């Protein structure tokens, strides 16, 4: 291809970009609300969400009370969402469906507001307040629009967020175990089992509770060891009833056998002391 032709193509392209930027700057400075709004819709259609957002931020306050106000507010919220500004998207979508509950766009707005919260949900290591809020928003959407074609996806998102809460709760309990706070670990794992019975971490939690109880008993004063070792035996029975062929069954059996051996020693010692 001729180098001169390529050079011309590049120059024309640059001129078009500069011209486009120049036209956009003129629009921003214009007082023609109708022209700005129509341009914003065009930019949104072309997925140029940044420019659409800039124009809508200017015209939405000026369209209050007009026929265009409803749609303009929805598109403003949508541009924030598409730009990844989920905090503002959450605010604008929520404001939209509260202001226009009967709008044909209300369902989409409510779902997008829930998605905005979903996208703000942090990794499981961090505070999960936003995750809980996202779950509530998705569940509220499903209650309000039970026949929506978005129900299946909403359920999947809720399940994903619940697993994140599972992981957070399990890690919190396991931290006590890692720090060798055996009694606190037992309580935390017990609470986890009650609150997250169907969690994929429930078997490991049951095993670690057993092991923590055994270790707690072994570090207890002699007068408390028999009772606490017996509690470990009870935890093992509960474990093996629920997970007879689980991933941690072999480990649990090892702890159980050690517990029985120590329990036998403690009983003999207590009996000898009682007879002396």
Protein backbone atom coordinates (compact mmCIF):
# COMPACT_ATOMS: atom_id res chain seq x y z
CA UNK A 1 0.00 0.00 0.00
CA UNK A 2 1.25 3.50 -0.86
CA UNK A 3 2.91 5.18 2.15
CA UNK A 4 1.48 8.52 1.13
CA UNK A 5 -2.02 7.05 1.18
CA UNK A 6 -1.45 5.63 4.67
CA UNK A 7 -0.20 8.99 5.85
CA UNK A 8 -3.34 10.65 4.52
CA UNK A 9 -5.57 8.08 6.26
CA UNK A 10 -3.83 8.73 9.58
CA UNK A 11 -4.19 12.48 9.22
CA UNK A 12 -7.88 12.19 8.31
CA UNK A 13 -8.43 9.93 11.33
CA UNK A 14 -6.75 12.40 13.66
CA UNK A 15 -8.79 15.26 12.23
CA UNK A 16 -11.99 13.31 12.83
CA UNK A 17 -10.99 12.65 16.45
CA UNK A 18 -10.10 16.30 17.01
CA UNK A 19 -13.32 17.37 15.34
CA UNK A 20 -15.31 14.96 17.50
CA UNK A 21 -13.68 16.27 20.66
CA UNK A 22 -14.30 19.82 19.53
CA UNK A 23 -17.99 19.12 18.86
CA UNK A 24 -18.34 17.45 22.25
CA UNK A 25 -16.76 20.43 24.02
CA UNK A 26 -19.17 22.72 22.21
CA UNK A 27 -22.07 20.56 23.38
CA UNK A 28 -20.89 20.76 26.97
CA UNK A 29 -20.84 24.55 26.77
CA UNK A 30 -24.15 24.78 24.91
CA UNK A 31 -27.38 25.97 26.54
CA UNK A 32 -29.50 23.82 24.24
CA UNK A 33 -30.87 21.20 26.63
CA UNK A 34 -32.77 19.29 23.96
CA UNK A 35 -29.69 19.04 21.73
CA UNK A 36 -27.56 17.87 24.67
CA UNK A 37 -30.09 15.24 25.65
CA UNK A 38 -30.41 13.83 22.14
CA UNK A 39 -26.62 13.75 21.83
CA UNK A 40 -26.38 11.94 25.17
CA UNK A 41 -28.75 9.25 23.91
CA UNK A 42 -26.68 8.87 20.77
CA UNK A 43 -23.47 8.53 22.77
CA UNK A 44 -25.16 5.95 25.02
CA UNK A 45 -26.32 4.01 21.97
CA UNK A 46 -22.73 3.98 20.67
CA UNK A 47 -21.58 2.79 24.14
CA UNK A 48 -19.62 6.00 24.66
CA UNK A 49 -20.76 6.06 28.27
CA UNK A 50 -18.28 8.68 29.43
CA UNK A 51 -19.57 11.38 27.07
CA UNK A 52 -23.17 10.32 27.62
CA UNK A 53 -22.61 10.64 31.35
CA UNK A 54 -21.05 14.08 31.08
CA UNK A 55 -24.02 15.40 29.12
CA UNK A 56 -26.65 13.70 31.26
CA UNK A 57 -25.12 15.07 34.46
CA UNK A 58 -25.77 18.51 33.01
CA UNK A 59 -29.26 18.02 31.57
CA UNK A 60 -31.01 15.73 34.08
CA UNK A 61 -31.54 18.50 36.67
CA UNK A 62 -32.92 20.71 33.87
CA UNK A 63 -35.39 18.06 32.66
CA UNK A 64 -37.25 17.73 35.98
CA UNK A 65 -40.98 17.72 35.35
CA UNK A 66 -40.60 17.04 31.63
CA UNK A 67 -41.58 13.92 29.68
CA UNK A 68 -37.92 13.11 29.17
CA UNK A 69 -37.00 13.23 32.87
CA UNK A 70 -37.81 9.57 33.61
CA UNK A 71 -35.75 8.12 30.77
CA UNK A 72 -32.93 10.62 31.30
CA UNK A 73 -32.56 9.59 34.97
CA UNK A 74 -32.47 5.93 34.02
CA UNK A 75 -29.76 6.48 31.43
CA UNK A 76 -27.74 8.58 33.87
CA UNK A 77 -27.80 5.68 36.35
CA UNK A 78 -26.90 3.28 33.55
CA UNK A 79 -23.87 5.32 32.46
CA UNK A 80 -22.52 5.23 36.01
CA UNK A 81 -23.02 1.45 36.04
CA UNK A 82 -21.33 0.92 32.67
CA UNK A 83 -18.40 3.11 33.77
CA UNK A 84 -17.95 0.92 36.86
CA UNK A 85 -18.98 3.64 39.30
CA UNK A 86 -21.17 1.26 41.26
CA UNK A 87 -21.61 3.49 44.30
CA UNK A 88 -23.30 6.20 42.21
CA UNK A 89 -25.12 3.61 40.10
CA UNK A 90 -26.57 2.13 43.28
CA UNK A 91 -27.78 5.56 44.39
CA UNK A 92 -29.28 6.60 41.05
CA UNK A 93 -30.98 3.27 40.28
CA UNK A 94 -32.47 3.12 43.78
CA UNK A 95 -33.69 6.72 43.49
CA UNK A 96 -35.17 5.90 40.08
CA UNK A 97 -37.34 2.94 41.09
CA UNK A 98 -38.42 4.70 44.28
CA UNK A 99 -39.45 7.75 42.24
CA UNK A 100 -40.99 5.82 39.33
CA UNK A 101 -42.22 2.51 40.83
CA UNK A 102 -44.66 1.93 37.95
CA UNK A 103 -42.22 2.77 35.18
CA UNK A 104 -41.57 0.07 32.56
CA UNK A 105 -37.91 0.63 33.48
CA UNK A 106 -38.44 0.09 37.23
CA UNK A 107 -37.74 -3.66 37.12
CA UNK A 108 -34.46 -3.16 35.27
CA UNK A 109 -33.53 -0.30 37.60
CA UNK A 110 -34.15 -2.38 40.71
CA UNK A 111 -32.16 -5.28 39.35
CA UNK A 112 -29.30 -3.03 38.28
CA UNK A 113 -29.26 -1.46 41.72
CA UNK A 114 -28.83 -4.94 43.21
CA UNK A 115 -26.09 -5.67 40.65
CA UNK A 116 -24.36 -2.45 41.67
CA UNK A 117 -24.23 -3.71 45.25
CA UNK A 118 -23.14 -7.16 44.05
CA UNK A 119 -20.24 -5.57 42.18
CA UNK A 120 -19.20 -3.71 45.33
CA UNK A 121 -19.03 -6.90 47.39
CA UNK A 122 -15.39 -7.29 48.49
CA UNK A 123 -13.29 -10.44 48.79
CA UNK A 124 -14.17 -12.71 51.70
CA UNK A 125 -11.25 -11.46 53.80
CA UNK A 126 -12.84 -8.02 54.15
CA UNK A 127 -15.91 -6.69 55.94
CA UNK A 128 -19.03 -8.23 54.37
CA UNK A 129 -21.61 -5.53 55.14
CA UNK A 130 -22.01 -4.73 51.44
CA UNK A 131 -22.39 -8.43 50.65
CA UNK A 132 -25.27 -8.72 53.09
CA UNK A 133 -26.88 -5.60 51.60
CA UNK A 134 -26.50 -7.05 48.09
CA UNK A 135 -28.17 -10.32 49.15
CA UNK A 136 -31.07 -8.36 50.67
CA UNK A 137 -31.43 -6.28 47.48
CA UNK A 138 -31.47 -9.36 45.24
CA UNK A 139 -33.98 -11.12 47.48
CA UNK A 140 -36.18 -8.02 47.55
CA UNK A 141 -36.08 -7.93 43.76
CA UNK A 142 -37.15 -11.58 43.54
CA UNK A 143 -40.05 -10.95 45.91
CA UNK A 144 -41.21 -7.91 43.95
CA UNK A 145 -40.77 -9.49 40.51
CA UNK A 146 -41.28 -13.25 41.04
CA UNK A 147 -41.99 -13.90 37.36
CA UNK A 148 -39.01 -11.92 36.04
CA UNK A 149 -36.72 -13.62 33.54
CA UNK A 150 -33.86 -12.44 35.76
CA UNK A 151 -34.87 -14.69 38.69
CA UNK A 152 -32.53 -17.56 37.77
CA UNK A 153 -29.52 -15.24 37.53
CA UNK A 154 -30.50 -13.47 40.75
CA UNK A 155 -30.62 -16.82 42.57
CA UNK A 156 -27.17 -17.71 41.26
CA UNK A 157 -25.77 -14.39 42.48
CA UNK A 158 -27.32 -14.88 45.93
CA UNK A 159 -25.76 -18.36 46.15
CA UNK A 160 -22.38 -16.94 45.18
CA UNK A 161 -22.61 -14.23 47.84
CA UNK A 162 -23.75 -16.72 50.49
CA UNK A 163 -20.69 -18.87 49.77
CA UNK A 164 -18.55 -15.79 50.34
CA UNK A 165 -20.21 -15.29 53.73
CA UNK A 166 -19.60 -18.99 54.46
CA UNK A 167 -15.92 -18.56 53.74
CA UNK A 168 -15.69 -15.42 55.85
CA UNK A 169 -17.39 -17.05 58.82
CA UNK A 170 -15.30 -20.22 58.50
CA UNK A 171 -12.05 -18.27 58.32
CA UNK A 172 -13.03 -16.27 61.40
CA UNK A 173 -13.56 -19.49 63.33
CA UNK A 174 -10.38 -21.06 61.97
CA UNK A 175 -8.38 -18.03 63.07
CA UNK A 176 -9.06 -18.93 66.72
CA UNK A 177 -7.82 -22.43 65.96
CA UNK A 178 -4.65 -21.12 64.28
CA UNK A 179 -4.00 -18.84 67.26
CA UNK A 180 -4.42 -21.85 69.59
CA UNK A 181 -7.40 -20.31 71.39
CA UNK A 182 -8.95 -23.74 71.66
CA UNK A 183 -12.04 -22.93 73.70
CA UNK A 184 -12.94 -19.97 71.51
CA UNK A 185 -12.34 -22.11 68.42
CA UNK A 186 -14.76 -24.77 69.68
CA UNK A 187 -17.48 -22.15 70.27
CA UNK A 188 -16.85 -20.49 66.89
CA UNK A 189 -16.93 -23.78 64.95
CA UNK A 190 -20.07 -24.83 66.80
CA UNK A 191 -21.78 -21.58 65.86
CA UNK A 192 -20.60 -21.99 62.28
CA UNK A 193 -22.16 -25.45 62.05
CA UNK A 194 -25.48 -24.13 63.34
CA UNK A 195 -25.58 -21.10 61.06
CA UNK A 196 -24.03 -22.68 57.94
CA UNK A 197 -25.26 -26.27 58.06
CA UNK A 198 -25.14 -26.74 54.29
CA UNK A 199 -21.79 -25.01 53.81
CA UNK A 200 -19.03 -26.80 51.86
CA UNK A 201 -16.83 -26.09 54.90
CA UNK A 202 -19.14 -27.80 57.40
CA UNK A 203 -17.19 -31.09 57.50
CA UNK A 204 -13.87 -29.37 58.08
CA UNK A 205 -15.49 -27.21 60.75
CA UNK A 206 -16.78 -30.34 62.51
CA UNK A 207 -13.34 -31.95 62.41
CA UNK A 208 -11.54 -28.84 63.64
CA UNK A 209 -14.07 -28.44 66.47
CA UNK A 210 -13.28 -32.00 67.56
CA UNK A 211 -9.53 -31.40 67.38
CA UNK A 212 -9.79 -28.06 69.19
CA UNK A 213 -11.83 -29.68 71.97
CA UNK A 214 -9.20 -32.42 72.36
CA UNK A 215 -6.41 -29.86 72.56
CA UNK A 216 -8.43 -27.72 74.95
CA UNK A 217 -8.91 -30.74 77.21
CA UNK A 218 -5.22 -31.64 77.11
CA UNK A 219 -4.23 -28.13 78.22
CA UNK A 220 -6.86 -28.00 80.97
CA UNK A 221 -6.24 -28.45 84.67
CA UNK A 222 -6.43 -32.12 85.78
CA UNK A 223 -9.79 -31.64 87.46
CA UNK A 224 -11.40 -30.58 84.16
CA UNK A 225 -9.73 -32.99 81.76
CA UNK A 226 -12.06 -35.97 82.06
CA UNK A 227 -15.17 -33.89 81.37
CA UNK A 228 -13.57 -32.10 78.44
CA UNK A 229 -12.13 -35.25 76.90
CA UNK A 230 -15.58 -36.83 77.14
CA UNK A 231 -16.94 -33.83 75.25
CA UNK A 232 -14.41 -34.56 72.50
CA UNK A 233 -15.70 -38.14 72.35
CA UNK A 234 -19.23 -36.79 71.91
CA UNK A 235 -18.04 -34.48 69.12
CA UNK A 236 -16.46 -37.42 67.35
CA UNK A 237 -19.70 -39.41 67.53
CA UNK A 238 -21.54 -36.46 66.00
CA UNK A 239 -18.88 -36.14 63.31
CA UNK A 240 -18.83 -39.80 62.29
CA UNK A 241 -22.63 -40.00 62.19
CA UNK A 242 -22.70 -37.13 59.69
CA UNK A 243 -19.51 -37.83 57.73
CA UNK A 244 -18.80 -41.59 57.85
CA UNK A 245 -16.75 -41.45 54.64
CA UNK A 246 -15.71 -37.81 54.51
CA UNK A 247 -12.50 -36.08 53.60
CA UNK A 248 -11.53 -35.65 57.26
CA UNK A 249 -12.83 -38.97 58.60
CA UNK A 250 -9.36 -40.51 58.94
CA UNK A 251 -8.03 -37.44 60.76
CA UNK A 252 -11.04 -37.43 63.06
CA UNK A 253 -10.47 -41.11 63.90
CA UNK A 254 -6.87 -40.35 64.88
CA UNK A 255 -8.04 -37.60 67.24
CA UNK A 256 -10.71 -39.92 68.64
CA UNK A 257 -8.23 -42.71 69.35
CA UNK A 258 -5.87 -40.26 71.08
CA UNK A 259 -8.81 -38.92 73.07
CA UNK A 260 -9.81 -42.41 74.26
CA UNK A 261 -6.24 -43.17 75.29
CA UNK A 262 -5.91 -39.94 77.26
CA UNK A 263 -9.36 -40.38 78.76
CA UNK A 264 -8.41 -43.83 80.03
CA UNK A 265 -5.26 -42.40 81.67
CA UNK A 266 -7.21 -39.57 83.31
CA UNK A 267 -9.89 -41.92 84.63
CA UNK A 268 -7.28 -44.20 86.19
CA UNK A 269 -5.51 -41.24 87.75
CA UNK A 270 -8.75 -39.84 89.13
CA UNK A 271 -9.72 -43.25 90.50
CA UNK A 272 -6.31 -43.65 92.16
CA UNK A 273 -6.62 -40.22 93.75
CA UNK A 274 -10.12 -41.04 94.95
CA UNK A 275 -8.90 -44.29 96.61
CA UNK A 276 -5.88 -42.70 98.28
